[in-house]
Amino acid sequence: MARPVVGIIGNMYLIDGQYAVHAAGLTNSEAVASVTDCLPMLVPADPSVMPVDELIEICDGFLLTGGRPNIHPEEYGEVATKEYGEFDRARDALTLPLIRSCVERGQPFLGICRGFQEVNVAMGGTLYPEIRDLPGRMNHRMPPDGTLNEKFALRHKVILKEGSIFHCLFGAREVTTNTLHGQGIKKPGKRIIVEGHASDGTPEAIRVAQAPGFTLSVQWHPEWNASRDAVSRPLFEAFGDAVRAWRSGTQQRPFRRAG
């Protein structure tokens, strides 16, 4: 029997500044295939070619990936400035309604970096354009120099809420993660529960309250070294369990708790 299908949300890129492609990092597919034990399927992030109502019938769960373009601030009622960087309006048009549909259906998703931010915006939240410009905040961006291993190295602590789903999942109140993002949550969306913060107060781990399915999302990049990292592996394994539960019709998510 075929494995459950996880739709990996892609990003639009230009090759040589001209040829448009949809792509997602190889580590996303590797994490889905090897740790969740599901079948990865790249999703073109454009509802004109991949309508949401058809997509949710094809896939059993979704990996909301990171990406260089940011969510357009018009999606949360703010005006775009150069601080907000590049945008991908087609991805906005696909992921935001997709997230809301999954929340209500109980269909599982795992949000990563931009995907984490998409979950917050989809639920009515807002974002800061640049975390490092805020008083008392550290620079959460990818280091400009070094190898990929150096850029994705574990760099800061995330403190988890006592008794939270993430606390139960990782078996610790404090974990060490990488960090490669410029933006971050300003106002949590309706039903967004922040269960983990960096030491500077930046939200790093969230879920959607009273959702029937798996809605865990993180601001870091757990797909990097997912099969060996002590934090990444249980997160992807729990996501895989939720995807299989959806496929079987049980729609159960691990670590269910009130709220």
Protein backbone atom coordinates (compact mmCIF):
# COMPACT_ATOMS: atom_id res chain seq x y z
CA MET A 1 0.00 0.00 0.00
CA ALA A 2 1.29 3.46 -0.89
CA ARG A 3 2.49 5.66 1.94
CA PRO A 4 0.46 8.73 2.95
CA VAL A 5 1.22 11.80 0.84
CA VAL A 6 2.65 14.99 2.35
CA GLY A 7 2.36 18.04 0.13
CA ILE A 8 5.53 20.14 0.40
CA ILE A 9 4.71 23.76 -0.37
CA GLY A 10 7.17 25.14 -2.90
CA ASN A 11 8.37 28.65 -3.68
CA MET A 12 8.68 30.39 -7.01
CA TYR A 13 12.23 31.16 -8.14
CA LEU A 14 13.79 32.61 -11.28
CA ILE A 15 16.70 30.73 -12.85
CA ASP A 16 19.14 33.17 -14.47
CA GLY A 17 16.64 35.91 -13.68
CA GLN A 18 14.26 34.65 -16.38
CA TYR A 19 12.99 31.09 -16.10
CA ALA A 20 10.37 30.62 -13.38
CA VAL A 21 10.34 27.37 -11.37
CA HIS A 22 8.66 26.02 -8.26
CA ALA A 23 11.12 24.48 -5.82
CA ALA A 24 11.69 23.45 -2.22
CA GLY A 25 14.85 22.45 -0.38
CA LEU A 26 15.92 18.82 -0.69
CA THR A 27 16.11 18.49 3.09
CA ASN A 28 12.32 18.95 3.28
CA SER A 29 11.73 15.93 1.04
CA GLU A 30 14.37 13.89 2.87
CA ALA A 31 12.78 14.62 6.25
CA VAL A 32 9.32 13.65 5.01
CA ALA A 33 10.54 10.47 3.33
CA SER A 34 12.94 9.24 6.00
CA VAL A 35 11.55 10.52 9.31
CA THR A 36 7.78 10.81 8.81
CA ASP A 37 7.85 7.74 6.51
CA CYS A 38 5.47 9.48 4.11
CA LEU A 39 5.64 10.18 0.39
CA PRO A 40 6.82 13.75 -0.35
CA MET A 41 5.06 15.62 -3.16
CA LEU A 42 6.17 19.09 -4.26
CA VAL A 43 3.21 21.49 -4.47
CA PRO A 44 3.37 24.42 -6.91
CA ALA A 45 2.39 27.33 -4.66
CA ASP A 46 -0.08 28.94 -7.00
CA PRO A 47 -3.85 28.39 -6.78
CA SER A 48 -4.25 29.10 -10.50
CA VAL A 49 -2.57 25.75 -11.22
CA MET A 50 -3.21 24.00 -7.88
CA PRO A 51 -6.65 24.90 -6.47
CA VAL A 52 -6.94 24.45 -2.72
CA ASP A 53 -10.16 22.42 -2.89
CA GLU A 54 -8.47 19.83 -5.12
CA LEU A 55 -5.15 19.91 -3.27
CA ILE A 56 -6.65 18.96 0.09
CA GLU A 57 -8.19 15.86 -1.49
CA ILE A 58 -4.88 14.72 -2.99
CA CYS A 59 -2.62 15.12 0.06
CA ASP A 60 -2.96 13.68 3.55
CA GLY A 61 -0.90 16.40 5.22
CA PHE A 62 1.18 19.45 4.39
CA LEU A 63 4.67 20.73 5.12
CA LEU A 64 4.61 24.55 5.04
CA THR A 65 8.23 25.27 4.17
CA GLY A 66 10.48 28.24 4.68
CA GLY A 67 11.36 30.52 1.80
CA ARG A 68 13.09 33.79 0.98
CA PRO A 69 9.94 35.75 -0.04
CA ASN A 70 7.81 37.07 2.83
CA ILE A 71 4.05 37.19 3.27
CA HIS A 72 2.73 40.42 1.79
CA PRO A 73 1.77 42.76 4.66
CA GLU A 74 -1.54 43.53 2.97
CA GLU A 75 -2.57 40.05 4.14
CA TYR A 76 -2.53 41.37 7.72
CA GLY A 77 -3.63 44.95 7.14
CA GLU A 78 -0.29 46.75 6.83
CA VAL A 79 1.42 48.69 4.03
CA ALA A 80 4.40 47.19 2.22
CA THR A 81 7.75 48.97 2.56
CA LYS A 82 11.27 47.95 1.56
CA GLU A 83 11.72 46.57 5.11
CA TYR A 84 9.39 43.69 4.22
CA GLY A 85 11.67 42.37 1.45
CA GLU A 86 10.50 40.20 -1.43
CA PHE A 87 7.01 38.72 -1.81
CA ASP A 88 5.29 35.72 -3.39
CA ARG A 89 1.63 36.67 -3.73
CA ALA A 90 0.73 33.38 -5.43
CA ARG A 91 2.01 31.43 -2.42
CA ASP A 92 0.05 33.74 -0.11
CA ALA A 93 -3.08 33.03 -2.14
CA LEU A 94 -2.60 29.28 -1.77
CA THR A 95 -1.27 28.76 1.74
CA LEU A 96 -3.46 31.09 3.77
CA PRO A 97 -6.79 29.52 2.70
CA LEU A 98 -5.15 26.08 2.78
CA ILE A 99 -4.18 26.54 6.44
CA ARG A 100 -7.66 27.68 7.40
CA SER A 101 -9.20 24.71 5.61
CA CYS A 102 -6.82 22.27 7.31
CA VAL A 103 -7.52 23.75 10.74
CA GLU A 104 -11.26 23.26 10.35
CA ARG A 105 -11.00 19.82 8.69
CA GLY A 106 -8.45 18.48 11.16
CA GLN A 107 -6.00 17.81 8.33
CA PRO A 108 -2.42 17.89 9.68
CA PHE A 109 0.26 20.39 8.76
CA LEU A 110 3.69 21.28 10.07
CA GLY A 111 4.77 24.91 9.67
CA ILE A 112 8.43 25.86 9.29
CA CYS A 113 9.84 29.42 9.34
CA ARG A 114 7.75 31.23 6.69
CA GLY A 115 5.19 28.46 7.15
CA PHE A 116 5.11 29.28 10.89
CA GLN A 117 4.43 32.90 9.98
CA GLU A 118 1.74 31.86 7.48
CA VAL A 119 -0.12 29.98 10.19
CA ASN A 120 -0.15 33.08 12.38
CA VAL A 121 -1.33 35.34 9.53
CA ALA A 122 -3.95 32.83 8.36
CA MET A 123 -5.44 32.97 11.85
CA GLY A 124 -5.52 36.79 11.88
CA GLY A 125 -2.11 37.61 13.34
CA THR A 126 0.52 40.15 12.28
CA LEU A 127 4.30 40.17 11.75
CA TYR A 128 7.27 42.41 12.44
CA PRO A 129 9.20 43.18 9.24
CA GLU A 130 12.62 42.80 10.90
CA ILE A 131 13.16 41.25 14.33
CA ARG A 132 16.78 42.43 14.69
CA ASP A 133 15.66 46.09 14.58
CA LEU A 134 13.54 45.72 17.73
CA PRO A 135 15.02 46.83 21.10
CA GLY A 136 16.41 43.92 23.07
CA ARG A 137 16.09 41.38 20.25
CA MET A 138 18.93 39.32 18.81
CA ASN A 139 19.70 38.86 15.12
CA HIS A 140 17.77 35.74 14.08
CA ARG A 141 18.90 35.83 10.44
CA MET A 142 21.07 33.27 8.67
CA PRO A 143 24.78 34.08 9.04
CA PRO A 144 25.97 35.69 5.78
CA ASP A 145 29.15 33.60 5.57
CA GLY A 146 30.20 30.02 6.11
CA THR A 147 29.23 26.55 4.93
CA LEU A 148 25.65 25.30 5.00
CA ASN A 149 26.46 23.29 8.11
CA GLU A 150 27.67 26.48 9.77
CA LYS A 151 24.64 28.48 8.64
CA PHE A 152 22.20 25.84 9.89
CA ALA A 153 24.11 25.18 13.13
CA LEU A 154 22.25 25.24 16.45
CA ARG A 155 22.49 28.84 17.67
CA HIS A 156 19.97 29.69 20.37
CA LYS A 157 17.71 28.31 23.09
CA VAL A 158 13.93 27.98 22.91
CA ILE A 159 12.14 27.95 26.25
CA LEU A 160 8.92 25.92 26.20
CA LYS A 161 5.81 26.47 28.29
CA GLU A 162 5.48 24.04 31.19
CA GLY A 163 3.12 21.18 30.28
CA SER A 164 2.74 22.35 26.68
CA ILE A 165 2.48 20.01 23.71
CA PHE A 166 6.03 20.92 22.69
CA HIS A 167 7.28 20.27 26.24
CA CYS A 168 5.65 16.82 26.16
CA LEU A 169 6.95 16.13 22.67
CA PHE A 170 10.59 17.05 23.35
CA GLY A 171 10.65 15.93 27.00
CA ALA A 172 12.38 19.17 28.00
CA ARG A 173 11.52 22.74 28.91
CA GLU A 174 14.49 24.09 26.93
CA VAL A 175 15.86 23.03 23.55
CA THR A 176 18.56 24.36 21.22
CA THR A 177 17.69 25.21 17.62
CA ASN A 178 19.02 26.91 14.52
CA THR A 179 17.67 30.30 13.44
CA LEU A 180 17.43 31.71 9.92
CA HIS A 181 14.59 34.22 9.85
CA GLY A 182 14.21 37.98 9.63
CA GLN A 183 10.53 38.41 10.41
CA GLY A 184 8.54 37.18 13.39
CA ILE A 185 5.22 37.29 15.16
CA LYS A 186 4.05 40.73 16.29
CA LYS A 187 0.49 39.91 17.31
CA PRO A 188 -0.57 36.27 17.65
CA GLY A 189 -3.62 35.40 15.58
CA LYS A 190 -6.93 34.31 17.01
CA ARG A 191 -6.56 30.80 18.50
CA ILE A 192 -2.76 30.93 18.17
CA ILE A 193 -1.11 29.60 21.33
CA VAL A 194 2.56 30.49 21.70
CA GLU A 195 4.22 27.57 23.50
CA GLY A 196 7.89 28.50 23.02
CA HIS A 197 10.00 31.66 22.97
CA ALA A 198 13.64 32.48 22.29
CA SER A 199 15.48 34.06 25.21
CA ASP A 200 14.80 37.52 23.72
CA GLY A 201 11.04 36.91 23.76
CA THR A 202 10.60 36.07 20.07
CA PRO A 203 7.84 33.45 19.57
CA GLU A 204 9.35 30.20 18.25
CA ALA A 205 6.74 27.44 18.71
CA ILE A 206 2.97 27.71 18.19
CA ARG A 207 -0.18 25.66 17.77
CA VAL A 208 -3.80 26.44 16.95
CA ALA A 209 -6.13 26.14 19.93
CA GLN A 210 -9.19 23.87 19.75
CA ALA A 211 -8.09 22.45 16.40
CA PRO A 212 -9.04 18.82 15.72
CA GLY A 213 -5.76 18.07 13.94
CA PHE A 214 -1.98 18.51 14.16
CA THR A 215 -1.10 22.23 13.83
CA LEU A 216 2.39 22.47 15.34
CA SER A 217 4.62 25.12 13.77
CA VAL A 218 8.13 26.32 14.56
CA GLN A 219 10.14 29.40 13.60
CA TRP A 220 13.37 27.44 13.17
CA HIS A 221 14.32 24.89 10.46
CA PRO A 222 13.88 21.35 11.85
CA GLU A 223 14.21 19.79 8.38
CA TRP A 224 17.98 20.29 8.60
CA ASN A 225 19.57 17.11 9.95
CA ALA A 226 16.07 15.88 10.82
CA SER A 227 16.93 12.21 11.14
CA ARG A 228 19.68 12.82 13.73
CA ASP A 229 18.72 15.98 15.60
CA ALA A 230 17.15 15.31 19.02
CA VAL A 231 14.55 18.07 18.54
CA SER A 232 13.79 17.66 14.83
CA ARG A 233 13.29 13.92 14.82
CA PRO A 234 10.42 13.71 17.37
CA LEU A 235 8.70 16.67 15.71
CA PHE A 236 8.70 14.99 12.28
CA GLU A 237 7.82 11.60 13.77
CA ALA A 238 4.79 13.10 15.53
CA PHE A 239 3.78 14.82 12.30
CA GLY A 240 4.07 11.49 10.45
CA ASP A 241 1.86 9.80 13.04
CA ALA A 242 -0.76 12.52 12.56
CA VAL A 243 -0.64 12.16 8.77
CA ARG A 244 -1.14 8.40 9.03
CA ALA A 245 -4.03 8.93 11.43
CA TRP A 246 -5.67 11.29 8.93
CA ARG A 247 -5.12 8.75 6.15
CA SER A 248 -6.75 6.02 8.24
CA GLY A 249 -9.72 8.23 9.12
CA THR A 250 -9.03 8.49 12.85
CA GLN A 251 -7.91 12.16 12.68
CA GLN A 252 -6.08 11.91 15.97
CA ARG A 253 -3.11 14.05 16.80
CA PRO A 254 -0.44 13.20 19.39
CA PHE A 255 -0.43 14.95 22.79
CA ARG A 256 -4.03 16.09 22.61
CA ARG A 257 -4.84 18.42 25.47
CA ALA A 258 -7.57 20.89 26.40
CA GLY A 259 -7.52 24.41 24.94
